[in-house]
């Protein structure tokens, strides 16, 4: 009985660790990397100032990325 409880706790802990790692990897993949001003204009984008949020590169397809 004690062995089952220990194995159950170990399985639960491993599941939580696996879900946490998957969530962190997904969040990293979903976030877009910063782009420089030169890269923005070279890609056909326009650098736009946002109040209290810095600058973003507005691309022609409607997406935007933070500018470094």
PDB file of N, CA and C in Angstrom:
ATOM      1  N   UNK A   1       0.819  -1.183   0.000  1.00  0.00           N
ATOM      2  CA  UNK A   1       0.000   0.000   0.000  1.00  0.00           C
ATOM      3  C   UNK A   1       0.868   1.254   0.000  1.00  0.00           C
ATOM      4  N   UNK A   2       1.913   1.226   0.791  1.00  0.00           N
ATOM      5  CA  UNK A   2       2.798   2.380   0.860  1.00  0.00           C
ATOM      6  C   UNK A   2       3.521   2.597  -0.472  1.00  0.00           C
ATOM      7  N   UNK A   3       3.867   1.519  -1.142  1.00  0.00           N
ATOM      8  CA  UNK A   3       4.554   1.607  -2.430  1.00  0.00           C
ATOM      9  C   UNK A   3       3.651   2.259  -3.477  1.00  0.00           C
ATOM     10  N   UNK A   4       2.383   1.929  -3.473  1.00  0.00           N
ATOM     11  CA  UNK A   4       1.449   2.549  -4.414  1.00  0.00           C
ATOM     12  C   UNK A   4       1.346   4.050  -4.195  1.00  0.00           C
ATOM     13  N   UNK A   5       1.296   4.435  -2.942  1.00  0.00           N
ATOM     14  CA  UNK A   5       1.191   5.852  -2.622  1.00  0.00           C
ATOM     15  C   UNK A   5       2.439   6.602  -3.109  1.00  0.00           C
ATOM     16  N   UNK A   6       3.593   6.046  -2.879  1.00  0.00           N
ATOM     17  CA  UNK A   6       4.849   6.677  -3.315  1.00  0.00           C
ATOM     18  C   UNK A   6       4.903   6.749  -4.837  1.00  0.00           C
ATOM     19  N   UNK A   7       4.517   5.655  -5.511  1.00  0.00           N
ATOM     20  CA  UNK A   7       4.510   5.669  -6.971  1.00  0.00           C
ATOM     21  C   UNK A   7       3.497   6.666  -7.511  1.00  0.00           C
ATOM     22  N   UNK A   8       2.354   6.787  -6.872  1.00  0.00           N
ATOM     23  CA  UNK A   8       1.342   7.756  -7.289  1.00  0.00           C
ATOM     24  C   UNK A   8       1.843   9.188  -7.156  1.00  0.00           C
ATOM     25  N   UNK A   9       2.504   9.480  -6.047  1.00  0.00           N
ATOM     26  CA  UNK A   9       3.069  10.816  -5.848  1.00  0.00           C
ATOM     27  C   UNK A   9       4.173  11.109  -6.865  1.00  0.00           C
ATOM     28  N   UNK A  10       4.995  10.126  -7.142  1.00  0.00           N
ATOM     29  CA  UNK A  10       6.061  10.316  -8.126  1.00  0.00           C
ATOM     30  C   UNK A  10       5.474  10.564  -9.510  1.00  0.00           C
ATOM     31  N   UNK A  11       4.427   9.838  -9.870  1.00  0.00           N
ATOM     32  CA  UNK A  11       3.777  10.022 -11.170  1.00  0.00           C
ATOM     33  C   UNK A  11       3.136  11.410 -11.261  1.00  0.00           C
ATOM     34  N   UNK A  12       2.488  11.837 -10.188  1.00  0.00           N
ATOM     35  CA  UNK A  12       1.868  13.164 -10.180  1.00  0.00           C
ATOM     36  C   UNK A  12       2.925  14.254 -10.320  1.00  0.00           C
ATOM     37  N   UNK A  13       4.027  14.127  -9.613  1.00  0.00           N
ATOM     38  CA  UNK A  13       5.100  15.119  -9.699  1.00  0.00           C
ATOM     39  C   UNK A  13       5.702  15.149 -11.102  1.00  0.00           C
ATOM     40  N   UNK A  14       5.908  13.996 -11.700  1.00  0.00           N
ATOM     41  CA  UNK A  14       6.474  13.937 -13.047  1.00  0.00           C
ATOM     42  C   UNK A  14       5.523  14.556 -14.060  1.00  0.00           C
ATOM     43  N   UNK A  15       4.227  14.344 -13.859  1.00  0.00           N
ATOM     44  CA  UNK A  15       3.236  14.931 -14.764  1.00  0.00           C
ATOM     45  C   UNK A  15       3.258  16.449 -14.672  1.00  0.00           C
ATOM     46  N   UNK A  16       3.315  16.976 -13.452  1.00  0.00           N
ATOM     47  CA  UNK A  16       3.360  18.424 -13.276  1.00  0.00           C
ATOM     48  C   UNK A  16       4.617  19.026 -13.889  1.00  0.00           C
ATOM     49  N   UNK A  17       5.743  18.366 -13.725  1.00  0.00           N
ATOM     50  CA  UNK A  17       6.988  18.857 -14.317  1.00  0.00           C
ATOM     51  C   UNK A  17       6.897  18.842 -15.834  1.00  0.00           C
ATOM     52  N   UNK A  18       6.323  17.789 -16.387  1.00  0.00           N
ATOM     53  CA  UNK A  18       6.183  17.694 -17.841  1.00  0.00           C
ATOM     54  C   UNK A  18       5.264  18.766 -18.391  1.00  0.00           C
ATOM     55  N   UNK A  19       4.162  19.027 -17.709  1.00  0.00           N
ATOM     56  CA  UNK A  19       3.227  20.059 -18.159  1.00  0.00           C
ATOM     57  C   UNK A  19       3.879  21.435 -18.054  1.00  0.00           C
ATOM     58  N   UNK A  20       4.630  21.680 -16.986  1.00  0.00           N
ATOM     59  CA  UNK A  20       5.303  22.966 -16.821  1.00  0.00           C
ATOM     60  C   UNK A  20       6.340  23.191 -17.921  1.00  0.00           C
ATOM     61  N   UNK A  21       7.099  22.166 -18.249  1.00  0.00           N
ATOM     62  CA  UNK A  21       8.109  22.298 -19.303  1.00  0.00           C
ATOM     63  C   UNK A  21       7.447  22.530 -20.652  1.00  0.00           C
ATOM     64  N   UNK A  22       6.335  21.840 -20.918  1.00  0.00           N
ATOM     65  CA  UNK A  22       5.637  22.015 -22.183  1.00  0.00           C
ATOM     66  C   UNK A  22       5.055  23.419 -22.280  1.00  0.00           C
ATOM     67  N   UNK A  23       4.494  23.925 -21.192  1.00  0.00           N
ATOM     68  CA  UNK A  23       3.934  25.276 -21.184  1.00  0.00           C
ATOM     69  C   UNK A  23       4.995  26.331 -21.410  1.00  0.00           C
ATOM     70  N   UNK A  24       6.150  26.160 -20.794  1.00  0.00           N
ATOM     71  CA  UNK A  24       7.233  27.128 -20.967  1.00  0.00           C
ATOM     72  C   UNK A  24       7.763  27.098 -22.395  1.00  0.00           C
ATOM     73  N   UNK A  25       7.865  25.924 -22.975  1.00  0.00           N
ATOM     74  CA  UNK A  25       8.347  25.821 -24.356  1.00  0.00           C
ATOM     75  C   UNK A  25       7.332  26.436 -25.315  1.00  0.00           C
ATOM     76  N   UNK A  26       6.062  26.219 -25.062  1.00  0.00           N
ATOM     77  CA  UNK A  26       5.023  26.790 -25.913  1.00  0.00           C
ATOM     78  C   UNK A  26       5.003  28.305 -25.830  1.00  0.00           C
ATOM     79  N   UNK A  27       5.174  28.826 -24.630  1.00  0.00           N
ATOM     80  CA  UNK A  27       5.186  30.278 -24.459  1.00  0.00           C
ATOM     81  C   UNK A  27       6.400  30.898 -25.145  1.00  0.00           C
ATOM     82  N   UNK A  28       7.527  30.219 -25.077  1.00  0.00           N
ATOM     83  CA  UNK A  28       8.720  30.723 -25.748  1.00  0.00           C
ATOM     84  C   UNK A  28       8.576  30.717 -27.251  1.00  0.00           C
ATOM     85  N   UNK A  29       7.927  29.698 -27.780  1.00  0.00           N
ATOM     86  CA  UNK A  29       7.743  29.610 -29.222  1.00  0.00           C
ATOM     87  C   UNK A  29       6.709  30.620 -29.715  1.00  0.00           C
ATOM     88  N   UNK A  30       5.750  30.941 -28.870  1.00  0.00           N
ATOM     89  CA  UNK A  30       4.685  31.850 -29.295  1.00  0.00           C
ATOM     90  C   UNK A  30       5.121  33.301 -29.307  1.00  0.00           C
ATOM     91  N   UNK A  31       6.074  33.642 -28.445  1.00  0.00           N
ATOM     92  CA  UNK A  31       6.497  35.037 -28.396  1.00  0.00           C
ATOM     93  C   UNK A  31       7.428  35.338 -29.564  1.00  0.00           C
ATOM     94  N   UNK A  32       7.287  36.493 -30.141  1.00  0.00           N
ATOM     95  CA  UNK A  32       8.103  36.846 -31.291  1.00  0.00           C
ATOM     96  C   UNK A  32       9.380  37.541 -30.833  1.00  0.00           C
ATOM     97  N   UNK A  33      10.481  37.303 -31.495  1.00  0.00           N
ATOM     98  CA  UNK A  33      11.732  37.946 -31.114  1.00  0.00           C
ATOM     99  C   UNK A  33      11.722  39.422 -31.513  1.00  0.00           C
ATOM    100  N   UNK A  34      12.537  40.197 -30.826  1.00  0.00           N
ATOM    101  CA  UNK A  34      12.657  41.613 -31.170  1.00  0.00           C
ATOM    102  C   UNK A  34      13.357  41.766 -32.511  1.00  0.00           C
ATOM    103  N   UNK A  35      13.101  42.873 -33.155  1.00  0.00           N
ATOM    104  CA  UNK A  35      13.663  43.164 -34.469  1.00  0.00           C
ATOM    105  C   UNK A  35      14.298  44.551 -34.405  1.00  0.00           C
ATOM    106  N   UNK A  36      15.341  44.762 -35.157  1.00  0.00           N
ATOM    107  CA  UNK A  36      15.979  46.084 -35.166  1.00  0.00           C
ATOM    108  C   UNK A  36      15.263  47.000 -36.148  1.00  0.00           C
ATOM    109  N   UNK A  37      15.526  48.283 -36.041  1.00  0.00           N
ATOM    110  CA  UNK A  37      14.901  49.256 -36.955  1.00  0.00           C
ATOM    111  C   UNK A  37      15.293  48.980 -38.405  1.00  0.00           C
ATOM    112  N   UNK A  38      16.564  48.656 -38.620  1.00  0.00           N
ATOM    113  CA  UNK A  38      17.028  48.386 -39.984  1.00  0.00           C
ATOM    114  C   UNK A  38      16.360  47.139 -40.560  1.00  0.00           C
ATOM    115  N   UNK A  39      16.237  46.088 -39.738  1.00  0.00           N
ATOM    116  CA  UNK A  39      15.580  44.861 -40.197  1.00  0.00           C
ATOM    117  C   UNK A  39      14.106  45.115 -40.507  1.00  0.00           C
ATOM    118  N   UNK A  40      13.488  45.987 -39.715  1.00  0.00           N
ATOM    119  CA  UNK A  40      12.077  46.312 -39.921  1.00  0.00           C
ATOM    120  C   UNK A  40      11.865  46.985 -41.273  1.00  0.00           C
ATOM    121  N   UNK A  41      12.641  48.017 -41.548  1.00  0.00           N
ATOM    122  CA  UNK A  41      12.455  48.733 -42.812  1.00  0.00           C
ATOM    123  C   UNK A  41      12.873  47.881 -44.001  1.00  0.00           C
ATOM    124  N   UNK A  42      13.884  47.021 -43.815  1.00  0.00           N
ATOM    125  CA  UNK A  42      14.316  46.139 -44.899  1.00  0.00           C
ATOM    126  C   UNK A  42      13.237  45.120 -45.242  1.00  0.00           C
ATOM    127  N   UNK A  43      12.434  44.737 -44.255  1.00  0.00           N
ATOM    128  CA  UNK A  43      11.366  43.773 -44.491  1.00  0.00           C
ATOM    129  C   UNK A  43      10.086  44.438 -44.982  1.00  0.00           C
ATOM    130  N   UNK A  44      10.119  45.750 -45.166  1.00  0.00           N
ATOM    131  CA  UNK A  44       8.946  46.453 -45.667  1.00  0.00           C
ATOM    132  C   UNK A  44       8.034  46.971 -44.574  1.00  0.00           C
ATOM    133  N   UNK A  45       8.497  46.919 -43.322  1.00  0.00           N
ATOM    134  CA  UNK A  45       7.694  47.389 -42.201  1.00  0.00           C
ATOM    135  C   UNK A  45       7.926  48.864 -41.910  1.00  0.00           C
ATOM    136  N   UNK A  46       7.187  49.361 -40.945  1.00  0.00           N
ATOM    137  CA  UNK A  46       7.292  50.754 -40.537  1.00  0.00           C
ATOM    138  C   UNK A  46       7.420  50.797 -39.016  1.00  0.00           C
ATOM    139  N   UNK A  47       8.392  51.562 -38.503  1.00  0.00           N
ATOM    140  CA  UNK A  47       8.583  51.702 -37.069  1.00  0.00           C
ATOM    141  C   UNK A  47       7.554  52.693 -36.538  1.00  0.00           C
ATOM    142  N   UNK A  48       6.772  52.240 -35.548  1.00  0.00           N
ATOM    143  CA  UNK A  48       5.694  53.048 -34.996  1.00  0.00           C
ATOM    144  C   UNK A  48       5.906  53.192 -33.493  1.00  0.00           C
ATOM    145  N   UNK A  49       5.740  54.417 -32.966  1.00  0.00           N
ATOM    146  CA  UNK A  49       5.856  54.660 -31.528  1.00  0.00           C
ATOM    147  C   UNK A  49       4.516  54.388 -30.858  1.00  0.00           C
ATOM    148  N   UNK A  50       4.559  53.638 -29.737  1.00  0.00           N
ATOM    149  CA  UNK A  50       3.351  53.402 -28.943  1.00  0.00           C
ATOM    150  C   UNK A  50       3.521  54.120 -27.609  1.00  0.00           C
ATOM    151  N   UNK A  51       2.542  54.867 -27.162  1.00  0.00           N
ATOM    152  CA  UNK A  51       2.658  55.574 -25.886  1.00  0.00           C
ATOM    153  C   UNK A  51       2.903  54.611 -24.728  1.00  0.00           C
ATOM    154  N   UNK A  52       3.919  54.884 -23.944  1.00  0.00           N
ATOM    155  CA  UNK A  52       4.287  54.110 -22.749  1.00  0.00           C
ATOM    156  C   UNK A  52       4.702  52.675 -23.044  1.00  0.00           C
ATOM    157  N   UNK A  53       4.894  52.327 -24.291  1.00  0.00           N
ATOM    158  CA  UNK A  53       5.237  50.943 -24.619  1.00  0.00           C
ATOM    159  C   UNK A  53       6.424  50.837 -25.559  1.00  0.00           C
ATOM    160  N   UNK A  54       7.022  51.940 -25.945  1.00  0.00           N
ATOM    161  CA  UNK A  54       8.181  51.888 -26.822  1.00  0.00           C
ATOM    162  C   UNK A  54       7.794  51.851 -28.287  1.00  0.00           C
ATOM    163  N   UNK A  55       8.640  51.228 -29.079  1.00  0.00           N
ATOM    164  CA  UNK A  55       8.443  51.194 -30.531  1.00  0.00           C
ATOM    165  C   UNK A  55       8.133  49.779 -30.992  1.00  0.00           C
ATOM    166  N   UNK A  56       7.328  49.676 -32.032  1.00  0.00           N
ATOM    167  CA  UNK A  56       7.041  48.397 -32.657  1.00  0.00           C
ATOM    168  C   UNK A  56       7.244  48.529 -34.160  1.00  0.00           C
ATOM    169  N   UNK A  57       7.463  47.397 -34.790  1.00  0.00           N
ATOM    170  CA  UNK A  57       7.580  47.346 -36.240  1.00  0.00           C
ATOM    171  C   UNK A  57       6.250  46.838 -36.772  1.00  0.00           C
ATOM    172  N   UNK A  58       5.521  47.691 -37.468  1.00  0.00           N
ATOM    173  CA  UNK A  58       4.244  47.299 -38.074  1.00  0.00           C
ATOM    174  C   UNK A  58       4.518  46.762 -39.465  1.00  0.00           C
ATOM    175  N   UNK A  59       4.248  45.480 -39.644  1.00  0.00           N
ATOM    176  CA  UNK A  59       4.499  44.842 -40.933  1.00  0.00           C
ATOM    177  C   UNK A  59       3.290  45.008 -41.857  1.00  0.00           C
ATOM    178  N   UNK A  60       3.491  44.897 -43.159  1.00  0.00           N
ATOM    179  CA  UNK A  60       2.389  45.065 -44.108  1.00  0.00           C
ATOM    180  C   UNK A  60       1.264  44.044 -43.949  1.00  0.00           C
ATOM    181  N   UNK A  61       1.567  42.864 -43.383  1.00  0.00           N
ATOM    182  CA  UNK A  61       0.528  41.843 -43.211  1.00  0.00           C
ATOM    183  C   UNK A  61      -0.305  42.049 -41.951  1.00  0.00           C
ATOM    184  N   UNK A  62      -0.046  43.124 -41.204  1.00  0.00           N
ATOM    185  CA  UNK A  62      -0.828  43.447 -40.004  1.00  0.00           C
ATOM    186  C   UNK A  62      -0.225  43.004 -38.699  1.00  0.00           C
ATOM    187  N   UNK A  63       0.875  42.256 -38.731  1.00  0.00           N
ATOM    188  CA  UNK A  63       1.527  41.832 -37.487  1.00  0.00           C
ATOM    189  C   UNK A  63       2.464  42.927 -37.009  1.00  0.00           C
ATOM    190  N   UNK A  64       2.853  42.843 -35.752  1.00  0.00           N
ATOM    191  CA  UNK A  64       3.818  43.797 -35.212  1.00  0.00           C
ATOM    192  C   UNK A  64       4.774  43.085 -34.281  1.00  0.00           C
ATOM    193  N   UNK A  65       5.996  43.613 -34.202  1.00  0.00           N
ATOM    194  CA  UNK A  65       7.044  43.055 -33.346  1.00  0.00           C
ATOM    195  C   UNK A  65       7.703  44.193 -32.590  1.00  0.00           C
ATOM    196  N   UNK A  66       8.139  43.946 -31.349  1.00  0.00           N
ATOM    197  CA  UNK A  66       8.870  44.959 -30.609  1.00  0.00           C
ATOM    198  C   UNK A  66      10.194  45.287 -31.304  1.00  0.00           C
ATOM    199  N   UNK A  67      10.575  46.556 -31.239  1.00  0.00           N
ATOM    200  CA  UNK A  67      11.826  47.006 -31.857  1.00  0.00           C
ATOM    201  C   UNK A  67      12.867  47.189 -30.759  1.00  0.00           C
ATOM    202  N   UNK A  68      14.075  46.689 -31.012  1.00  0.00           N
ATOM    203  CA  UNK A  68      15.161  46.864 -30.048  1.00  0.00           C
ATOM    204  C   UNK A  68      15.931  48.121 -30.337  1.00  0.00           C
TER     205      UNK A  68
END
